[in-house]
Amino acid sequence: MDIIRKTLKKRIEERNLTYKEVSERIGRNPAYIQQFLERNVPAHLKEADREKLADLLDIPEDQLGGKKLTNAAPEKSKMIPEIDLVAGLGGGGLATIEMSSHNGISFAREAIRDYWQLPERVLNRMGLQPSAVACFPAQGDSMHPTICDGDIVFIDTRHRVPSPPGVYALADEFGGVVVKRLEVASRPGEDPIRVRVSSDNPRHTDRELTLDEIHIIGRFVGRFTT
């Protein structure tokens, strides 16, 4: 197996995807990727397929047989997507989630309005990989002073259960996104598991939901205040 196929195979495994899923996601028949990897058919990826795979799997296109980029633009794998939604008090609409695994969440291209790049030392200090981080603007005062209206909220999308307790972004019942403080309220072994959903601003009331009633998108890791 050549280096291109080894790179592609490794990345697919890292993303916990099947060959069939990847094939269908790039608009090919379900056996396309398996045939390319195991039967060398086709011998080389077409440019359109290469672009889709590079975008889907966060692989530099030159590692899939494309021409190496010579400009100084940052690699896409090091860029953090800013999602076109509003986090806070139920405002805005939940962005389309393309993939969800223990390695993080990927969002549909049309839901991404811009990209951020954080210094590597900052990411290392927080133990983060750019591919697992997303950000979006917050709205409202429910988490004041921890998070203020207009802050850009950064989350680690690998964390989708409220353990340890802390601040998380979650989908609300109206299809929006809110940022709240979560803590397991039930006793060990109690079923169903109940979660306390609270705000840092005392003007907003707390409530309890079962774990099945909440959809956590990620754990809050930082903010950029304008």
Protein backbone atom coordinates (compact mmCIF):
# COMPACT_ATOMS: atom_id res chain seq x y z
CA MET A 1 0.00 0.00 0.00
CA ASP A 2 1.46 3.36 -1.06
CA ILE A 3 1.82 6.37 1.25
CA ILE A 4 -1.36 8.05 -0.05
CA ARG A 5 -3.51 5.02 0.70
CA LYS A 6 -1.83 4.50 4.09
CA THR A 7 -2.52 8.14 5.00
CA LEU A 8 -6.14 7.91 3.94
CA LYS A 9 -6.70 4.58 5.71
CA LYS A 10 -5.15 5.87 8.95
CA ARG A 11 -7.24 9.05 8.93
CA ILE A 12 -10.48 7.16 8.33
CA GLU A 13 -9.69 4.89 11.28
CA GLU A 14 -8.85 7.88 13.50
CA ARG A 15 -12.24 9.38 12.70
CA ASN A 16 -14.03 6.08 13.48
CA LEU A 17 -15.62 6.06 10.05
CA THR A 18 -16.34 3.18 7.70
CA TYR A 19 -15.23 3.05 4.08
CA LYS A 20 -18.90 3.05 3.10
CA GLU A 21 -19.62 6.23 5.10
CA VAL A 22 -16.69 8.08 3.55
CA SER A 23 -17.62 6.93 0.04
CA GLU A 24 -21.18 8.15 0.40
CA ARG A 25 -20.12 11.44 2.01
CA ILE A 26 -18.08 12.35 -1.08
CA GLY A 27 -20.89 11.35 -3.42
CA ARG A 28 -19.48 8.02 -4.55
CA ASN A 29 -20.87 4.48 -4.53
CA PRO A 30 -20.55 2.68 -1.16
CA ALA A 31 -17.61 0.50 -2.30
CA TYR A 32 -15.52 3.32 -3.80
CA ILE A 33 -13.06 3.87 -0.93
CA GLN A 34 -12.60 0.16 -0.25
CA GLN A 35 -11.81 -0.45 -3.91
CA PHE A 36 -9.36 2.46 -3.97
CA LEU A 37 -7.55 1.26 -0.83
CA GLU A 38 -7.58 -2.48 -1.34
CA ARG A 39 -7.78 -2.97 -5.12
CA ASN A 40 -6.03 0.18 -6.36
CA VAL A 41 -9.11 1.13 -8.36
CA PRO A 42 -8.90 3.88 -9.43
CA ALA A 43 -5.14 4.14 -9.53
CA HIS A 44 -5.28 7.83 -8.56
CA LEU A 45 -7.90 10.00 -6.92
CA LYS A 46 -9.64 12.50 -9.15
CA GLU A 47 -9.23 16.13 -8.17
CA ALA A 48 -12.88 16.50 -7.10
CA ASP A 49 -12.70 13.41 -4.88
CA ARG A 50 -9.36 14.52 -3.45
CA GLU A 51 -10.78 17.91 -2.50
CA LYS A 52 -13.80 16.37 -0.80
CA LEU A 53 -11.69 13.86 1.13
CA ALA A 54 -9.23 16.54 2.23
CA ASP A 55 -12.11 18.67 3.50
CA LEU A 56 -13.96 15.78 5.15
CA LEU A 57 -10.93 14.26 6.90
CA ASP A 58 -8.82 17.39 7.49
CA ILE A 59 -5.92 16.08 5.41
CA PRO A 60 -3.68 18.47 3.41
CA GLU A 61 -4.54 17.83 -0.22
CA ASP A 62 -0.91 17.27 -1.18
CA GLN A 63 -0.89 14.17 1.08
CA LEU A 64 -3.60 12.72 -1.15
CA GLY A 65 -1.71 13.33 -4.38
CA GLY A 66 -2.49 17.00 -4.99
CA LYS A 67 0.03 19.76 -5.55
CA LYS A 68 1.68 21.07 -2.42
CA LEU A 69 0.51 24.55 -1.50
CA THR A 70 3.29 27.11 -1.48
CA ASN A 71 1.51 30.01 0.24
CA ALA A 72 1.79 30.72 3.92
CA ALA A 73 -1.87 30.15 4.73
CA PRO A 74 -2.43 28.04 7.86
CA GLU A 75 -3.36 24.40 7.41
CA LYS A 76 -7.10 23.84 7.69
CA SER A 77 -6.48 21.17 10.32
CA LYS A 78 -5.11 23.92 12.58
CA MET A 79 -8.08 26.24 12.14
CA ILE A 80 -11.07 26.47 14.47
CA PRO A 81 -14.51 26.92 12.86
CA GLU A 82 -16.76 29.73 14.01
CA ILE A 83 -20.27 28.38 13.77
CA ASP A 84 -23.02 30.59 12.40
CA LEU A 85 -25.33 30.37 15.39
CA VAL A 86 -25.98 32.23 18.60
CA ALA A 87 -25.11 30.62 21.94
CA GLY A 88 -27.22 31.84 24.83
CA LEU A 89 -30.83 32.15 25.95
CA GLY A 90 -32.11 29.96 23.15
CA GLY A 91 -31.30 32.43 20.37
CA GLY A 92 -30.35 31.33 16.88
CA GLY A 93 -30.52 27.92 15.28
CA LEU A 94 -28.43 24.83 15.90
CA ALA A 95 -25.82 24.33 13.18
CA THR A 96 -25.99 21.16 11.16
CA ILE A 97 -23.75 18.50 12.66
CA GLU A 98 -22.09 16.36 10.01
CA MET A 99 -20.13 13.91 12.14
CA SER A 100 -20.05 13.12 15.83
CA SER A 101 -17.51 10.83 17.51
CA HIS A 102 -15.32 10.68 20.59
CA ASN A 103 -12.81 12.78 18.64
CA GLY A 104 -15.24 15.71 18.38
CA ILE A 105 -17.96 17.16 16.17
CA SER A 106 -17.73 18.29 12.56
CA PHE A 107 -20.14 20.91 11.27
CA ALA A 108 -21.58 21.33 7.79
CA ARG A 109 -19.63 23.74 5.61
CA GLU A 110 -22.65 26.02 5.19
CA ALA A 111 -22.83 26.40 8.99
CA ILE A 112 -19.26 27.74 9.23
CA ARG A 113 -18.97 31.47 8.73
CA ASP A 114 -15.30 31.97 9.54
CA TYR A 115 -12.18 30.37 11.06
CA TRP A 116 -9.96 31.17 14.03
CA GLN A 117 -6.39 30.14 14.71
CA LEU A 118 -5.05 30.04 18.26
CA PRO A 119 -1.33 29.89 19.13
CA GLU A 120 -0.09 26.35 19.54
CA ARG A 121 1.13 27.10 23.06
CA VAL A 122 -2.41 28.09 24.08
CA LEU A 123 -3.90 24.90 22.67
CA ASN A 124 -1.21 22.78 24.33
CA ARG A 125 -1.81 24.46 27.67
CA MET A 126 -5.50 23.56 27.48
CA GLY A 127 -4.81 20.07 26.12
CA LEU A 128 -6.77 20.76 22.95
CA GLN A 129 -6.56 19.80 19.30
CA PRO A 130 -7.97 22.36 16.82
CA SER A 131 -10.10 19.68 15.14
CA ALA A 132 -12.01 19.19 18.42
CA VAL A 133 -12.68 22.88 19.07
CA ALA A 134 -15.50 25.08 17.80
CA CYS A 135 -16.59 28.60 18.68
CA PHE A 136 -19.59 30.90 18.33
CA PRO A 137 -20.89 34.22 19.69
CA ALA A 138 -22.90 34.25 22.91
CA GLN A 139 -26.05 36.26 23.45
CA GLY A 140 -27.80 37.24 26.66
CA ASP A 141 -26.83 37.66 30.31
CA SER A 142 -27.72 34.28 31.84
CA MET A 143 -24.04 33.36 32.39
CA HIS A 144 -22.82 36.82 33.39
CA PRO A 145 -20.11 37.45 34.59
CA THR A 146 -18.53 34.15 33.41
CA ILE A 147 -19.69 34.75 29.84
CA CYS A 148 -20.97 38.10 28.60
CA ASP A 149 -23.22 39.07 25.74
CA GLY A 150 -21.15 39.16 22.54
CA ASP A 151 -18.29 37.00 23.80
CA ILE A 152 -16.90 34.40 21.39
CA VAL A 153 -17.28 31.10 23.24
CA PHE A 154 -14.81 28.26 22.61
CA ILE A 155 -15.84 24.69 23.37
CA ASP A 156 -14.18 21.28 23.32
CA THR A 157 -16.60 19.13 21.33
CA ARG A 158 -15.11 15.89 22.65
CA HIS A 159 -16.87 16.43 26.00
CA ARG A 160 -20.58 15.62 25.72
CA VAL A 161 -21.46 14.35 29.19
CA PRO A 162 -21.61 16.64 32.27
CA SER A 163 -18.64 15.06 34.02
CA PRO A 164 -16.84 16.77 35.59
CA PRO A 165 -19.41 19.47 36.42
CA GLY A 166 -18.83 22.76 34.69
CA VAL A 167 -19.98 25.05 31.88
CA TYR A 168 -21.24 23.38 28.70
CA ALA A 169 -22.91 24.36 25.44
CA LEU A 170 -26.09 22.44 24.76
CA ALA A 171 -28.98 22.45 22.34
CA ASP A 172 -32.19 23.81 23.77
CA GLU A 173 -35.75 22.67 23.12
CA PHE A 174 -36.28 25.41 20.52
CA GLY A 175 -33.43 24.26 18.28
CA GLY A 176 -31.03 26.91 19.53
CA VAL A 177 -27.91 26.70 21.66
CA VAL A 178 -27.46 27.78 25.27
CA VAL A 179 -24.42 27.91 27.52
CA LYS A 180 -25.20 26.68 31.04
CA ARG A 181 -23.56 25.26 34.13
CA LEU A 182 -24.27 21.54 34.45
CA GLU A 183 -23.92 19.22 37.44
CA VAL A 184 -25.23 15.71 38.05
CA ALA A 185 -27.94 16.01 40.71
CA SER A 186 -28.89 12.36 41.18
CA ARG A 187 -27.21 9.92 43.54
CA PRO A 188 -24.76 7.27 42.26
CA GLY A 189 -26.66 4.42 40.63
CA GLU A 190 -29.93 6.33 40.50
CA ASP A 191 -31.88 5.96 37.26
CA PRO A 192 -32.66 8.08 35.38
CA ILE A 193 -29.66 10.36 35.85
CA ARG A 194 -30.79 13.91 36.66
CA VAL A 195 -28.75 16.96 35.73
CA ARG A 196 -29.00 20.40 37.34
CA VAL A 197 -28.98 23.13 34.67
CA SER A 198 -28.11 26.49 36.17
CA SER A 199 -27.07 30.03 35.23
CA ASP A 200 -24.35 32.13 36.85
CA ASN A 201 -26.66 35.13 36.81
CA PRO A 202 -28.99 34.74 39.87
CA ARG A 203 -31.80 36.46 37.97
CA HIS A 204 -32.28 33.24 35.98
CA THR A 205 -33.88 30.17 37.55
CA ASP A 206 -32.31 26.72 37.73
CA ARG A 207 -33.97 23.51 36.61
CA GLU A 208 -33.37 19.78 36.53
CA LEU A 209 -33.54 17.53 33.47
CA THR A 210 -32.72 13.89 32.86
CA LEU A 211 -29.51 13.13 31.00
CA ASP A 212 -31.58 11.92 28.03
CA GLU A 213 -33.30 15.30 27.81
CA ILE A 214 -30.13 17.30 27.15
CA HIS A 215 -27.86 17.35 24.10
CA ILE A 216 -24.39 18.56 25.02
CA ILE A 217 -22.35 19.99 22.14
CA GLY A 218 -19.15 20.63 24.08
CA ARG A 219 -17.48 21.85 27.25
CA PHE A 220 -16.60 25.54 27.63
CA VAL A 221 -12.83 26.07 27.52
CA GLY A 222 -12.47 29.82 27.04
CA ARG A 223 -13.82 33.03 25.58
CA PHE A 224 -12.74 36.00 23.55
CA THR A 225 -14.23 39.26 24.80
CA THR A 226 -14.65 42.07 22.30
